[in-house]
Structures are given as C-alpha cells and as structure tokens.
Amino acid sequence: MTSQNSKIYLDVHRTIAEISPLLFGGFAEHMGRCIYEGIYDPASPLADEDGLRTDVLAKFKEQAYTVMRYPGGNFLSGYNWLDGVGPKEQRPRRRELAWQSIETNQFGTNEFMNFCRKAGIDPMMAVNMGTGTIQSAADLVEYCNAPTGTYWADLRASHGYKDPYNVKYWCVGNEMDGPWQIGHLDMNEYATKAREAAKMMKWQDPSIKTIVTGSSNDRMPTYPEWDRVVLETTWDKMDYLSIHMYDSNHHMQDTPSYLALARRFEDFVDTMSGVLRYVKAKTRSNHDVYLSWDEWQVWHPGQHEGNWQEAPPLAEVGYNLEDALVVAQWLNVFLRKSDVLKIACVAQVVNIISWLHTKRDGLLVHTSFYPFKFMSNMAKGNALDVVLRAPTTATTRFGDVPTLDVSASHDPATGKIAVFIVNRSMTEAQVTDLVFQSDAPAQVLQAWQMSGTDPKAGNTWDNPNAIVAQPIKVNAPKDGTLTLNLPAMSYTALEFGA
C-alpha cells in the first residue's frame, strides 16, 4: 500500500454558517419493529416501567439526537391520530395499509411525548395529508399545544396530560408526490391542501414551524417542478421544505462510485437551494424557507410487506464498512450545506433501515452508528469552509473525485475545533497535513478512526465488534500543522481544544 500526500486548510474565520443542532435528528415510524420491539417493548427484561427499552434509550442519548420525527412515513398517510390516544384497552387494532401490518395502537402520541422527554429529544410531529383532513391536522395541534379549556386540549388532560407539549416542528404530510402514498395528490392539489392545513395549524399555535412536503428523491419525474409549484403556493405559510433520499450499493456493486455519493447529495441540495431562491424572488417575499432532509439513509433491499403481522421484521439489514463511509460523507455534506440545510432526520432509529438492531434481551450496533455519534457530539458552532488539496480517484459514475471528503466545525464559545475525514480510496493511504491557518489549537481532545480492508465487512450478533471506531494517538499541532496517516477506506474524527 502506497501513501499520497494531501493538505486540509482550516481557518476559523472562514465559515459557512452556524450549524443547526436539528441536523442530528432521527425518524421513528410505525413500520416493522421500529416502535414495537424497538423503542417500545414491555415484554423485554430491558424495558422500564413505561415499556421503553432502556438500552435503546441509552444509545439514543449516546448519539445525542436532538429531534425525532413521528409517526411516519408512509404510515402517516393512513393514520388517524385519535386511534393512538386514550385508554390503551379501548384503542382499535387496525389493518395498516402502507406496510400491510397490524397496528395495535398501544403506542401513540402521548407515549411518544413521554419517550422524547426521557430521551431528551424534541418531538417533531407530522399530520396526515393523505386520508386526513385539514381539520384533523389543526385538531392535533390543539391536542398537543393548547392550554386546557377547549375540547381537544381538555381531551388531552382527560388522558392524563394536563400540560401542553408545545411541539414546535410540524410536517404537513409525507411524500405526497409518490404514487405509492395513501391519498397521493398531484402537486397543485397537495399545495392547496397543505397551505390550508398550515394556515389552520398556525392559527391554533402561531409559534409552530411547518414543513411542507417536497420531492421524495431526485429521480422523481416531477422533480424539481413539484417543489417549485408547492413552494409558490405555500411560501408564506411554511418554514421548511422536506426532502428525502435513500441510496445503496446493492444494484451498482460499484464501490468506488458508491464511495463518491457525496456528489449526488450535494447536487440534490444545490438544486433545492436554487428552487428556494427562485421562489423567494418570484413571490417578492422577505420570508425564508430552509431545507429539512427528514429522511436519509443507506437502504438495502429487504422485505417491505408485513403479511398482516404485528411488528413484522421489515427492512432489517446490517451495515458494513462502505455504508459507514457513505453515511460519514452524508453528514459531511450536512455541514458543508449548513447555510440552507437546517433539519435532518436519519431514517430510521432502530431495527428498520437502522444501525441499531434489537432482540428481546440484547442490542447490536452496526458500523454507521459511529460517524453519526461523533459528528452529533462534536460538530458545534460554525461549519468551516475547508480548503482541500488532494489527489483524485476515478469513478464510473462521477468521474474523478478527491480521494478525501472533509468537513469541519469551530465553536467560538469553547474554542473547540472538530474535523471529520473520509478516505474514500480503496487502496491508497493518505499522508495528510491539517494546516491551521488561524488560531491553531493547543491540544487534541479526542481522535477516533474506523477502517478496514474489506468494504463489505460488518458487525453481526456473533461478532459485534468486527468494525468499530477505535481511539488513535494523535500529537498536538506543531507550528500550526498536524500530519495524519489516513488508511484506505477510513473514517477519522478529531476534536481539538484551545
């Protein structure tokens, strides 16, 4: 294995934007075993008095999730929120059409709020724009946020929750551009319905922030026209545009191109950012709308139909080294686009397309857990505009791309600097200089690295620590420069102190 030289230039005064803490959010849907046997499992010896899995809660806290989107997802567009409140013994069992499962409704709005409280996470609720009405959307806002004294708030109190939840973030539907969606609407129909729903919701609580449904991915035939039309209709009623994307190497089986997917992610954000700027100009508005990437994840093919079972094991696939390196780049893009991207929710948080898998008495952590954990805990303050000088590596899908993918942050309040580096080369190590062009830090607070020689290697129940992040020894910068050796197919996270 040969080494090649790279340089990363950092200047704490060369910033992109302040990093929104909401970039480190999650998504919990009533799909498969995410809620039941994931977050909520009263039959588990690891459950607390409310049936919440204590081991899962501990991992969520370790990941420092800031916000959690709920209850869906495709599930949302056929869900009546009234099914999930009130005495559990009176809640209906339903055929859930999105995933062809049986929904017991033993976990609903109030259980979710209790979970968020215990996990230290802000709730992000979604309202049904498929089978739901604008009235039911407004009613849910009243149920969650209004003081007692009116019907829906009093109903909440009768269920044992007198104090309002004051939920700030509200998704107005889910993937309504998709023909697979229950109650799918065309762009004009959805835009009108979403505008009227958001209007009523904000009349209930003017402090809330609403998120309008944008394109489900960049391959939709309506992309990005859907986003333009919807935004032009709803601009002054919305605060964020929801965007979604999944990807994997299953169909390509082209690891060099897979490890360059940051190009696709950045193009997606750039296009949506352009749409936002266009609509703001066209509407002559002083109001700003930002991006909420509230579903993102590597999604390998798996079973998606529940065969009318309770909590069927849907889309439970493991993640390997190359998946972790793609997730790390996704997160790097979040920092690099933090001027326009303000919310992001990884889909999902346990069992379903997740890096956490449960069995009744245990928990398995997959590779992608680590890049998220380090960035969510380290990336504070401002995203830095990093200057990179690195050799390139060839890909069939994206042409030549830099061998390294880098993001960085600086927190003016603490003086801490964090740097996140992916070496996407499959064969070449990188001798890399971190050059601090201003305010070079005096000490290395922590340094972690994950690497391997097999991109398909991952963790299993029999070998749960095959690919994990390990602490590495890194010397303090000398004369403003620190030299690192970055193995091929590696992820490195560094935190420096003043």
Protein backbone atom coordinates (compact mmCIF):
# COMPACT_ATOMS: atom_id res chain seq x y z
CA MET A 1 0.00 0.00 0.00
CA THR A 2 1.46 3.34 -1.04
CA SER A 3 0.81 6.74 0.52
CA GLN A 4 -0.04 10.00 -1.18
CA ASN A 5 0.04 13.48 0.30
CA SER A 6 -2.97 15.71 0.91
CA LYS A 7 -3.50 19.03 2.64
CA ILE A 8 -6.55 20.29 4.53
CA TYR A 9 -6.58 24.04 5.25
CA LEU A 10 -8.68 25.29 8.18
CA ASP A 11 -9.42 28.88 9.17
CA VAL A 12 -11.89 29.54 11.97
CA HIS A 13 -12.79 32.86 10.33
CA ARG A 14 -13.69 31.18 7.01
CA THR A 15 -17.17 29.99 7.89
CA ILE A 16 -20.22 28.70 6.00
CA ALA A 17 -22.98 29.13 8.58
CA GLU A 18 -23.94 28.31 12.12
CA ILE A 19 -24.64 24.59 12.48
CA SER A 20 -28.25 23.88 13.35
CA PRO A 21 -28.45 21.33 16.19
CA LEU A 22 -31.50 19.90 14.40
CA LEU A 23 -29.22 18.36 11.75
CA PHE A 24 -28.76 15.48 14.17
CA GLY A 25 -32.31 14.21 14.28
CA GLY A 26 -33.95 10.83 13.91
CA PHE A 27 -37.13 9.38 12.46
CA ALA A 28 -39.38 6.83 14.17
CA GLU A 29 -42.19 5.33 12.11
CA HIS A 30 -44.84 2.73 12.84
CA MET A 31 -43.12 0.36 10.44
CA GLY A 32 -41.92 -3.15 11.20
CA ARG A 33 -40.12 -3.29 14.54
CA CYS A 34 -39.13 0.35 14.92
CA ILE A 35 -41.77 1.21 17.52
CA TYR A 36 -42.85 -2.22 18.74
CA GLU A 37 -39.87 -4.35 19.87
CA GLY A 38 -37.60 -1.37 19.14
CA ILE A 39 -38.44 1.73 21.15
CA TYR A 40 -41.37 0.11 22.98
CA ASP A 41 -41.19 -3.48 24.20
CA PRO A 42 -42.95 -4.12 27.52
CA ALA A 43 -42.13 -7.84 27.28
CA SER A 44 -38.38 -7.19 27.29
CA PRO A 45 -36.42 -7.55 30.54
CA LEU A 46 -34.68 -4.33 29.44
CA ALA A 47 -37.91 -2.29 29.40
CA ASP A 48 -38.67 0.37 32.00
CA GLU A 49 -41.98 0.95 33.79
CA ASP A 50 -43.42 2.56 30.62
CA GLY A 51 -42.35 -0.27 28.33
CA LEU A 52 -39.49 1.74 26.80
CA ARG A 53 -36.27 -0.11 26.03
CA THR A 54 -33.62 1.30 28.36
CA ASP A 55 -30.75 0.04 26.19
CA VAL A 56 -32.21 1.77 23.13
CA LEU A 57 -32.74 4.98 25.09
CA ALA A 58 -29.12 4.86 26.25
CA LYS A 59 -27.87 4.54 22.67
CA PHE A 60 -30.09 7.42 21.54
CA LYS A 61 -28.53 9.58 24.26
CA GLU A 62 -25.07 8.43 23.22
CA GLN A 63 -25.88 9.56 19.69
CA ALA A 64 -27.12 12.92 21.04
CA TYR A 65 -30.27 13.01 18.94
CA THR A 66 -31.81 16.49 19.07
CA VAL A 67 -35.19 15.99 17.37
CA MET A 68 -37.34 12.98 16.45
CA ARG A 69 -39.85 12.88 13.59
CA TYR A 70 -43.04 10.84 14.21
CA PRO A 71 -45.25 8.86 13.36
CA GLY A 72 -44.34 8.41 9.68
CA GLY A 73 -43.53 7.98 6.85
CA ASN A 74 -45.90 6.17 4.56
CA PHE A 75 -47.73 5.05 7.68
CA LEU A 76 -48.74 8.66 8.32
CA SER A 77 -50.95 8.99 5.25
CA GLY A 78 -53.44 6.41 6.51
CA TYR A 79 -53.17 7.16 10.24
CA ASN A 80 -55.91 8.61 12.43
CA TRP A 81 -54.10 10.06 15.44
CA LEU A 82 -57.20 9.52 17.59
CA ASP A 83 -56.56 5.76 17.37
CA GLY A 84 -53.41 6.22 19.45
CA VAL A 85 -54.69 8.25 22.41
CA GLY A 86 -56.85 7.44 25.40
CA PRO A 87 -57.06 4.21 27.44
CA LYS A 88 -54.97 1.50 25.78
CA GLU A 89 -57.60 -1.16 26.24
CA GLN A 90 -60.01 0.92 24.16
CA ARG A 91 -57.68 1.58 21.25
CA PRO A 92 -58.57 -0.16 17.97
CA ARG A 93 -56.48 -2.75 16.19
CA ARG A 94 -56.19 -1.70 12.56
CA ARG A 95 -55.02 -3.11 9.27
CA GLU A 96 -52.17 -0.77 8.39
CA LEU A 97 -52.13 -0.47 4.60
CA ALA A 98 -48.79 1.21 3.93
CA TRP A 99 -46.75 -1.74 5.23
CA GLN A 100 -49.55 -4.35 5.31
CA SER A 101 -49.19 -4.90 9.02
CA ILE A 102 -51.46 -5.00 12.07
CA GLU A 103 -51.27 -1.79 14.11
CA THR A 104 -52.21 -2.28 17.76
CA ASN A 105 -52.09 1.44 18.63
CA GLN A 106 -50.59 0.65 22.02
CA PHE A 107 -48.00 3.35 21.33
CA GLY A 108 -49.33 6.74 20.25
CA THR A 109 -48.92 10.49 20.68
CA ASN A 110 -48.66 10.62 24.47
CA GLU A 111 -46.35 7.62 24.66
CA PHE A 112 -44.16 9.29 22.05
CA MET A 113 -44.02 12.51 24.04
CA ASN A 114 -43.04 10.56 27.14
CA PHE A 115 -40.32 8.79 25.16
CA CYS A 116 -38.96 12.14 23.89
CA ARG A 117 -38.92 13.51 27.45
CA LYS A 118 -36.95 10.52 28.72
CA ALA A 119 -34.54 10.65 25.79
CA GLY A 120 -34.02 14.40 25.99
CA ILE A 121 -35.21 14.81 22.39
CA ASP A 122 -37.53 17.45 20.90
CA PRO A 123 -40.60 15.96 19.19
CA MET A 124 -41.30 16.67 15.52
CA MET A 125 -44.87 15.71 14.70
CA ALA A 126 -46.42 15.01 11.31
CA VAL A 127 -50.04 15.40 10.19
CA ASN A 128 -51.88 13.17 7.72
CA MET A 129 -52.40 14.80 4.31
CA GLY A 130 -53.49 11.53 2.66
CA THR A 131 -56.72 10.33 4.25
CA GLY A 132 -56.57 13.10 6.83
CA THR A 133 -58.26 16.50 6.67
CA ILE A 134 -57.06 20.00 7.38
CA GLN A 135 -59.42 19.96 10.38
CA SER A 136 -57.81 16.83 11.86
CA ALA A 137 -54.39 18.45 11.42
CA ALA A 138 -55.48 21.55 13.31
CA ASP A 139 -57.14 19.41 15.98
CA LEU A 140 -53.88 17.55 16.62
CA VAL A 141 -52.04 20.85 17.11
CA GLU A 142 -54.68 21.88 19.66
CA TYR A 143 -54.44 18.49 21.38
CA CYS A 144 -50.66 18.81 21.69
CA ASN A 145 -50.12 22.52 22.26
CA ALA A 146 -53.19 24.33 23.60
CA PRO A 147 -53.83 25.05 27.28
CA THR A 148 -56.85 23.38 28.79
CA GLY A 149 -60.25 24.99 28.42
CA THR A 150 -61.25 23.79 24.93
CA TYR A 151 -62.33 20.41 23.59
CA TRP A 152 -59.11 18.89 22.24
CA ALA A 153 -56.88 20.27 24.98
CA ASP A 154 -59.35 19.03 27.58
CA LEU A 155 -59.31 15.62 25.89
CA ARG A 156 -55.52 15.54 26.35
CA ALA A 157 -55.96 16.44 30.00
CA SER A 158 -58.57 13.67 30.41
CA HIS A 159 -55.95 11.25 29.12
CA GLY A 160 -53.67 12.29 31.98
CA TYR A 161 -51.58 15.03 30.37
CA LYS A 162 -52.72 18.43 31.54
CA ASP A 163 -49.72 20.49 30.46
CA PRO A 164 -49.29 21.31 26.75
CA TYR A 165 -46.40 19.66 24.94
CA ASN A 166 -45.56 22.81 22.95
CA VAL A 167 -44.40 20.84 19.91
CA LYS A 168 -42.56 23.31 17.67
CA TYR A 169 -41.91 21.40 14.43
CA TRP A 170 -44.74 20.01 12.27
CA CYS A 171 -44.52 18.11 8.98
CA VAL A 172 -47.51 18.77 6.73
CA GLY A 173 -47.78 15.32 5.15
CA ASN A 174 -45.25 12.83 3.84
CA GLU A 175 -44.02 12.12 0.28
CA MET A 176 -47.26 13.24 -1.30
CA ASP A 177 -45.51 13.30 -4.70
CA GLY A 178 -45.27 9.49 -4.62
CA PRO A 179 -47.90 7.27 -6.30
CA TRP A 180 -47.19 4.74 -3.53
CA GLN A 181 -48.56 7.18 -0.95
CA ILE A 182 -52.02 6.63 0.53
CA GLY A 183 -54.10 9.54 -0.74
CA HIS A 184 -51.46 10.63 -3.27
CA LEU A 185 -52.19 14.08 -4.71
CA ASP A 186 -50.81 15.95 -7.68
CA MET A 187 -48.66 18.97 -6.96
CA ASN A 188 -51.42 21.55 -7.24
CA GLU A 189 -53.89 19.58 -5.12
CA TYR A 190 -51.32 18.94 -2.42
CA ALA A 191 -50.08 22.53 -2.42
CA THR A 192 -53.58 23.88 -1.84
CA LYS A 193 -54.37 21.36 0.88
CA ALA A 194 -51.04 21.91 2.62
CA ARG A 195 -51.44 25.69 2.55
CA GLU A 196 -54.87 25.50 4.15
CA ALA A 197 -53.74 22.94 6.73
CA ALA A 198 -50.72 25.03 7.72
CA LYS A 199 -52.94 28.12 7.96
CA MET A 200 -55.27 26.40 10.42
CA MET A 201 -52.39 24.82 12.33
CA LYS A 202 -50.69 28.19 12.80
CA TRP A 203 -53.97 29.76 13.85
CA GLN A 204 -54.02 27.16 16.60
CA ASP A 205 -50.42 27.98 17.57
CA PRO A 206 -48.61 30.83 15.75
CA SER A 207 -45.27 29.77 17.26
CA ILE A 208 -45.02 26.47 15.38
CA LYS A 209 -42.72 25.85 12.41
CA THR A 210 -44.24 23.99 9.48
CA ILE A 211 -42.51 21.73 6.97
CA VAL A 212 -44.01 21.26 3.52
CA THR A 213 -43.52 18.02 1.59
CA GLY A 214 -41.00 18.31 -1.22
CA SER A 215 -39.58 15.73 -3.60
CA SER A 216 -39.17 12.17 -2.34
CA ASN A 217 -35.89 11.93 -4.23
CA ASP A 218 -34.08 13.42 -7.20
CA ARG A 219 -35.30 10.69 -9.57
CA MET A 220 -39.00 11.51 -9.31
CA PRO A 221 -40.48 12.53 -12.70
CA THR A 222 -41.92 15.66 -11.05
CA TYR A 223 -38.56 16.74 -9.53
CA PRO A 224 -37.96 19.68 -9.10
CA GLU A 225 -41.16 21.09 -10.59
CA TRP A 226 -43.12 19.68 -7.66
CA ASP A 227 -41.02 21.74 -5.26
CA ARG A 228 -41.41 24.94 -7.26
CA VAL A 229 -45.20 24.65 -7.54
CA VAL A 230 -45.70 23.63 -3.91
CA LEU A 231 -43.47 26.42 -2.63
CA GLU A 232 -45.07 29.09 -4.79
CA THR A 233 -48.47 28.15 -3.33
CA THR A 234 -47.41 27.75 0.31
CA TRP A 235 -44.34 30.00 0.72
CA ASP A 236 -45.52 32.34 3.46
CA LYS A 237 -47.21 29.51 5.41
CA MET A 238 -44.15 27.23 5.53
CA ASP A 239 -40.77 27.40 7.21
CA TYR A 240 -39.02 24.35 5.74
CA LEU A 241 -39.13 22.22 2.60
CA SER A 242 -38.90 18.48 3.29
CA ILE A 243 -36.58 16.45 1.04
CA HIS A 244 -35.91 12.71 1.15
CA MET A 245 -33.28 10.41 -0.31
CA TYR A 246 -32.04 6.84 0.12
CA ASP A 247 -29.23 5.05 -1.69
CA SER A 248 -27.20 1.85 -1.54
CA ASN A 249 -24.60 -0.18 -3.40
CA HIS A 250 -26.89 -3.17 -3.88
CA HIS A 251 -27.72 -2.58 -7.54
CA MET A 252 -24.50 -0.84 -8.57
CA GLN A 253 -21.99 -3.14 -6.88
CA ASP A 254 -19.55 -0.35 -7.73
CA THR A 255 -17.78 0.56 -4.52
CA PRO A 256 -15.64 3.43 -5.94
CA SER A 257 -18.78 5.18 -7.23
CA TYR A 258 -20.68 4.34 -4.05
CA LEU A 259 -17.94 5.98 -2.01
CA ALA A 260 -18.37 9.14 -4.10
CA LEU A 261 -22.09 9.58 -3.40
CA ALA A 262 -21.41 12.89 -1.69
CA ARG A 263 -21.55 14.30 -5.23
CA ARG A 264 -25.18 13.21 -5.59
CA PHE A 265 -26.09 14.52 -2.16
CA GLU A 266 -24.55 17.93 -2.83
CA ASP A 267 -26.21 18.23 -6.24
CA PHE A 268 -29.58 17.46 -4.64
CA VAL A 269 -29.17 20.20 -2.03
CA ASP A 270 -27.85 22.68 -4.60
CA THR A 271 -30.89 22.14 -6.82
CA MET A 272 -33.31 22.54 -3.93
CA SER A 273 -31.44 25.62 -2.73
CA GLY A 274 -31.83 27.11 -6.20
CA VAL A 275 -35.58 26.43 -6.12
CA LEU A 276 -35.83 28.17 -2.74
CA ARG A 277 -34.02 31.25 -4.04
CA TYR A 278 -36.15 31.34 -7.20
CA VAL A 279 -39.47 31.12 -5.36
CA LYS A 280 -38.44 33.72 -2.78
CA ALA A 281 -37.60 36.11 -5.60
CA LYS A 282 -40.74 35.31 -7.59
CA THR A 283 -43.02 35.81 -4.59
CA ARG A 284 -41.21 39.04 -3.62
CA SER A 285 -41.11 37.72 -0.07
CA ASN A 286 -38.91 38.66 2.87
CA HIS A 287 -39.71 35.29 4.41
CA ASP A 288 -37.10 32.49 4.31
CA VAL A 289 -37.71 28.78 3.86
CA TYR A 290 -34.94 26.29 4.63
CA LEU A 291 -34.40 22.61 3.89
CA SER A 292 -35.38 19.72 6.14
CA TRP A 293 -33.75 16.48 4.96
CA ASP A 294 -36.01 14.46 7.22
CA GLU A 295 -35.46 11.05 5.65
CA TRP A 296 -31.97 9.96 4.67
CA GLN A 297 -30.16 6.66 4.98
CA VAL A 298 -28.49 3.79 3.19
CA TRP A 299 -31.37 1.43 2.37
CA HIS A 300 -30.55 -2.04 1.10
CA PRO A 301 -33.33 -4.16 -0.42
CA GLY A 302 -35.34 -6.18 2.07
CA GLN A 303 -38.85 -7.29 2.95
CA HIS A 304 -41.32 -4.38 2.92
CA GLU A 305 -44.69 -6.14 3.25
CA GLY A 306 -45.82 -7.27 6.67
CA ASN A 307 -48.25 -10.04 5.66
CA TRP A 308 -50.69 -8.67 8.25
CA GLN A 309 -48.45 -9.42 11.23
CA GLU A 310 -47.82 -7.33 14.32
CA ALA A 311 -44.37 -5.75 14.22
CA PRO A 312 -43.03 -7.84 11.30
CA PRO A 313 -39.25 -7.70 10.75
CA LEU A 314 -39.21 -5.38 7.73
CA ALA A 315 -36.08 -3.95 6.08
CA GLU A 316 -33.77 -5.22 8.81
CA VAL A 317 -30.43 -5.27 7.05
CA GLY A 318 -27.00 -4.73 8.52
CA TYR A 319 -24.49 -2.07 7.56
CA ASN A 320 -20.88 -2.60 6.55
CA LEU A 321 -17.74 -0.50 6.25
CA GLU A 322 -18.59 1.08 2.91
CA ASP A 323 -22.05 2.01 4.21
CA ALA A 324 -20.47 3.76 7.21
CA LEU A 325 -18.17 5.74 4.91
CA VAL A 326 -21.18 6.85 2.84
CA VAL A 327 -23.06 7.91 6.00
CA ALA A 328 -19.98 9.85 7.11
CA GLN A 329 -19.94 11.71 3.78
CA TRP A 330 -23.69 12.40 4.03
CA LEU A 331 -23.01 14.06 7.37
CA ASN A 332 -20.09 16.00 5.88
CA VAL A 333 -22.47 17.34 3.25
CA PHE A 334 -24.82 18.47 6.01
CA LEU A 335 -22.08 20.68 7.43
CA ARG A 336 -20.96 21.93 4.05
CA LYS A 337 -24.56 22.90 3.19
CA SER A 338 -25.49 24.23 6.62
CA ASP A 339 -26.37 27.64 5.20
CA VAL A 340 -29.58 26.20 3.74
CA LEU A 341 -29.97 22.80 5.45
CA LYS A 342 -31.30 23.23 8.97
CA ILE A 343 -33.04 19.93 9.87
CA ALA A 344 -32.07 16.33 9.08
CA CYS A 345 -33.59 13.11 10.39
CA VAL A 346 -31.93 9.76 9.78
CA ALA A 347 -34.42 7.06 8.84
CA GLN A 348 -34.87 5.17 11.00
CA VAL A 349 -33.57 4.95 14.55
CA VAL A 350 -33.92 1.27 15.46
CA ASN A 351 -34.40 -2.03 13.58
CA ILE A 352 -35.91 -0.60 10.37
CA ILE A 353 -33.13 0.53 8.00
CA SER A 354 -31.21 1.32 11.16
CA TRP A 355 -27.74 0.88 12.59
CA LEU A 356 -29.31 -0.40 15.83
CA HIS A 357 -30.95 -3.84 15.93
CA THR A 358 -32.69 -5.36 18.93
CA LYS A 359 -33.62 -8.77 20.13
CA ARG A 360 -35.67 -9.17 23.28
CA ASP A 361 -32.64 -9.12 25.59
CA GLY A 362 -29.92 -7.50 23.50
CA LEU A 363 -28.80 -4.74 21.14
CA LEU A 364 -26.47 -4.85 18.13
CA VAL A 365 -24.63 -1.73 16.90
CA HIS A 366 -23.71 -1.50 13.21
CA THR A 367 -20.86 0.43 11.62
CA SER A 368 -22.79 3.57 10.60
CA PHE A 369 -23.58 4.32 14.24
CA TYR A 370 -20.11 5.75 14.79
CA PRO A 371 -19.88 8.58 12.22
CA PHE A 372 -23.27 9.91 13.38
CA LYS A 373 -22.30 9.66 17.04
CA PHE A 374 -19.06 11.58 16.62
CA MET A 375 -20.47 14.34 14.46
CA SER A 376 -23.60 14.87 16.57
CA ASN A 377 -21.46 15.20 19.69
CA MET A 378 -18.52 17.17 18.23
CA ALA A 379 -19.91 19.46 15.49
CA LYS A 380 -20.84 22.66 17.32
CA GLY A 381 -20.80 26.33 16.45
CA ASN A 382 -19.96 27.21 12.86
CA ALA A 383 -19.31 24.99 9.87
CA LEU A 384 -15.95 25.84 8.34
CA ASP A 385 -15.28 26.36 4.66
CA VAL A 386 -12.48 23.81 4.31
CA VAL A 387 -9.93 24.08 1.51
CA LEU A 388 -8.80 20.64 0.35
CA ARG A 389 -5.84 19.72 -1.80
CA ALA A 390 -5.88 16.00 -2.50
CA PRO A 391 -5.22 13.58 -5.36
CA THR A 392 -8.24 12.20 -7.15
CA THR A 393 -9.66 8.73 -7.53
CA ALA A 394 -11.56 7.55 -10.60
CA THR A 395 -15.24 6.52 -10.53
CA THR A 396 -17.51 5.34 -13.33
CA ARG A 397 -20.50 7.33 -12.09
CA PHE A 398 -18.98 10.65 -11.02
CA GLY A 399 -15.68 10.83 -12.88
CA ASP A 400 -12.60 11.83 -10.90
CA VAL A 401 -13.32 12.84 -7.30
CA PRO A 402 -10.99 13.93 -4.48
CA THR A 403 -9.70 10.98 -2.51
CA LEU A 404 -10.70 12.72 0.71
CA ASP A 405 -14.09 14.04 1.79
CA VAL A 406 -13.85 16.56 4.64
CA SER A 407 -15.95 18.79 6.87
CA ALA A 408 -15.07 20.78 9.97
CA SER A 409 -16.57 22.97 12.68
CA HIS A 410 -15.45 25.61 15.16
CA ASP A 411 -17.30 26.57 18.32
CA PRO A 412 -16.49 30.19 19.26
CA ALA A 413 -17.95 29.64 22.73
CA THR A 414 -15.47 26.90 23.67
CA GLY A 415 -12.72 27.28 21.09
CA LYS A 416 -13.13 23.63 20.09
CA ILE A 417 -12.46 22.57 16.50
CA ALA A 418 -13.76 19.29 15.05
CA VAL A 419 -12.62 17.70 11.78
CA PHE A 420 -14.26 14.75 10.01
CA ILE A 421 -12.37 12.97 7.21
CA VAL A 422 -13.25 10.09 4.89
CA ASN A 423 -10.55 8.49 2.79
CA ARG A 424 -12.68 7.02 0.02
CA SER A 425 -9.78 5.33 -1.79
CA MET A 426 -9.99 1.55 -1.67
CA THR A 427 -6.23 1.08 -1.96
CA GLU A 428 -4.27 4.23 -1.11
CA ALA A 429 -3.46 5.60 2.31
CA GLN A 430 -3.18 9.36 2.61
CA VAL A 431 -0.46 11.20 4.47
CA THR A 432 -2.42 14.34 5.20
CA ASP A 433 -1.44 17.68 6.69
CA LEU A 434 -4.03 19.58 8.69
CA VAL A 435 -2.94 23.18 8.28
CA PHE A 436 -4.47 25.61 10.78
CA GLN A 437 -4.35 28.98 9.10
CA SER A 438 -5.62 30.79 12.20
CA ASP A 439 -5.90 30.04 15.89
CA ALA A 440 -4.15 26.68 15.84
CA PRO A 441 -5.41 24.53 18.72
CA ALA A 442 -3.06 23.59 21.54
CA GLN A 443 -4.30 20.08 22.23
CA VAL A 444 -6.07 17.05 20.80
CA LEU A 445 -9.10 16.28 22.95
CA GLN A 446 -10.09 13.06 21.18
CA ALA A 447 -9.30 11.19 17.99
CA TRP A 448 -11.15 8.20 16.54
CA GLN A 449 -10.72 6.11 13.44
CA MET A 450 -12.56 3.29 11.71
CA SER A 451 -11.08 1.41 8.76
CA GLY A 452 -10.72 -1.97 7.13
CA THR A 453 -9.61 -3.77 4.01
CA ASP A 454 -12.98 -5.33 3.12
CA PRO A 455 -15.72 -2.81 2.23
CA LYS A 456 -18.36 -5.48 2.89
CA ALA A 457 -17.21 -6.27 6.43
CA GLY A 458 -19.73 -5.52 9.17
CA ASN A 459 -20.90 -6.45 12.65
CA THR A 460 -23.09 -9.43 13.49
CA TRP A 461 -24.64 -10.86 16.63
CA ASP A 462 -21.83 -13.44 16.66
CA ASN A 463 -19.12 -10.85 16.01
CA PRO A 464 -20.47 -7.49 17.21
CA ASN A 465 -17.12 -5.67 17.21
CA ALA A 466 -15.74 -6.59 13.80
CA ILE A 467 -15.80 -2.98 12.55
CA VAL A 468 -15.89 -0.34 15.28
CA ALA A 469 -14.28 3.06 15.81
CA GLN A 470 -11.07 2.94 17.82
CA PRO A 471 -9.23 5.74 19.63
CA ILE A 472 -5.95 6.69 17.95
CA LYS A 473 -2.91 8.58 19.19
CA VAL A 474 -2.54 11.99 17.56
CA ASN A 475 0.04 14.58 18.52
CA ALA A 476 -0.84 18.22 19.05
CA PRO A 477 -0.28 20.54 16.07
CA LYS A 478 3.22 21.95 15.76
CA ASP A 479 3.71 25.33 14.10
CA GLY A 480 0.10 25.22 13.02
CA THR A 481 0.33 21.85 11.24
CA LEU A 482 -0.62 18.31 12.16
CA THR A 483 0.28 15.32 9.99
CA LEU A 484 -2.05 12.33 9.88
CA ASN A 485 -1.88 8.95 8.25
CA LEU A 486 -5.30 8.06 6.89
CA PRO A 487 -5.67 4.39 5.89
CA ALA A 488 -7.55 3.43 2.75
CA MET A 489 -11.32 3.16 3.31
CA SER A 490 -11.19 5.00 6.60
CA TYR A 491 -13.19 7.46 8.66
CA THR A 492 -11.43 9.76 11.12
CA ALA A 493 -13.00 12.14 13.65
CA LEU A 494 -10.85 14.63 15.56
CA GLU A 495 -11.63 17.17 18.26
CA PHE A 496 -9.18 19.89 19.25
CA GLY A 497 -9.11 22.30 22.18
CA ALA A 498 -7.67 25.75 22.54
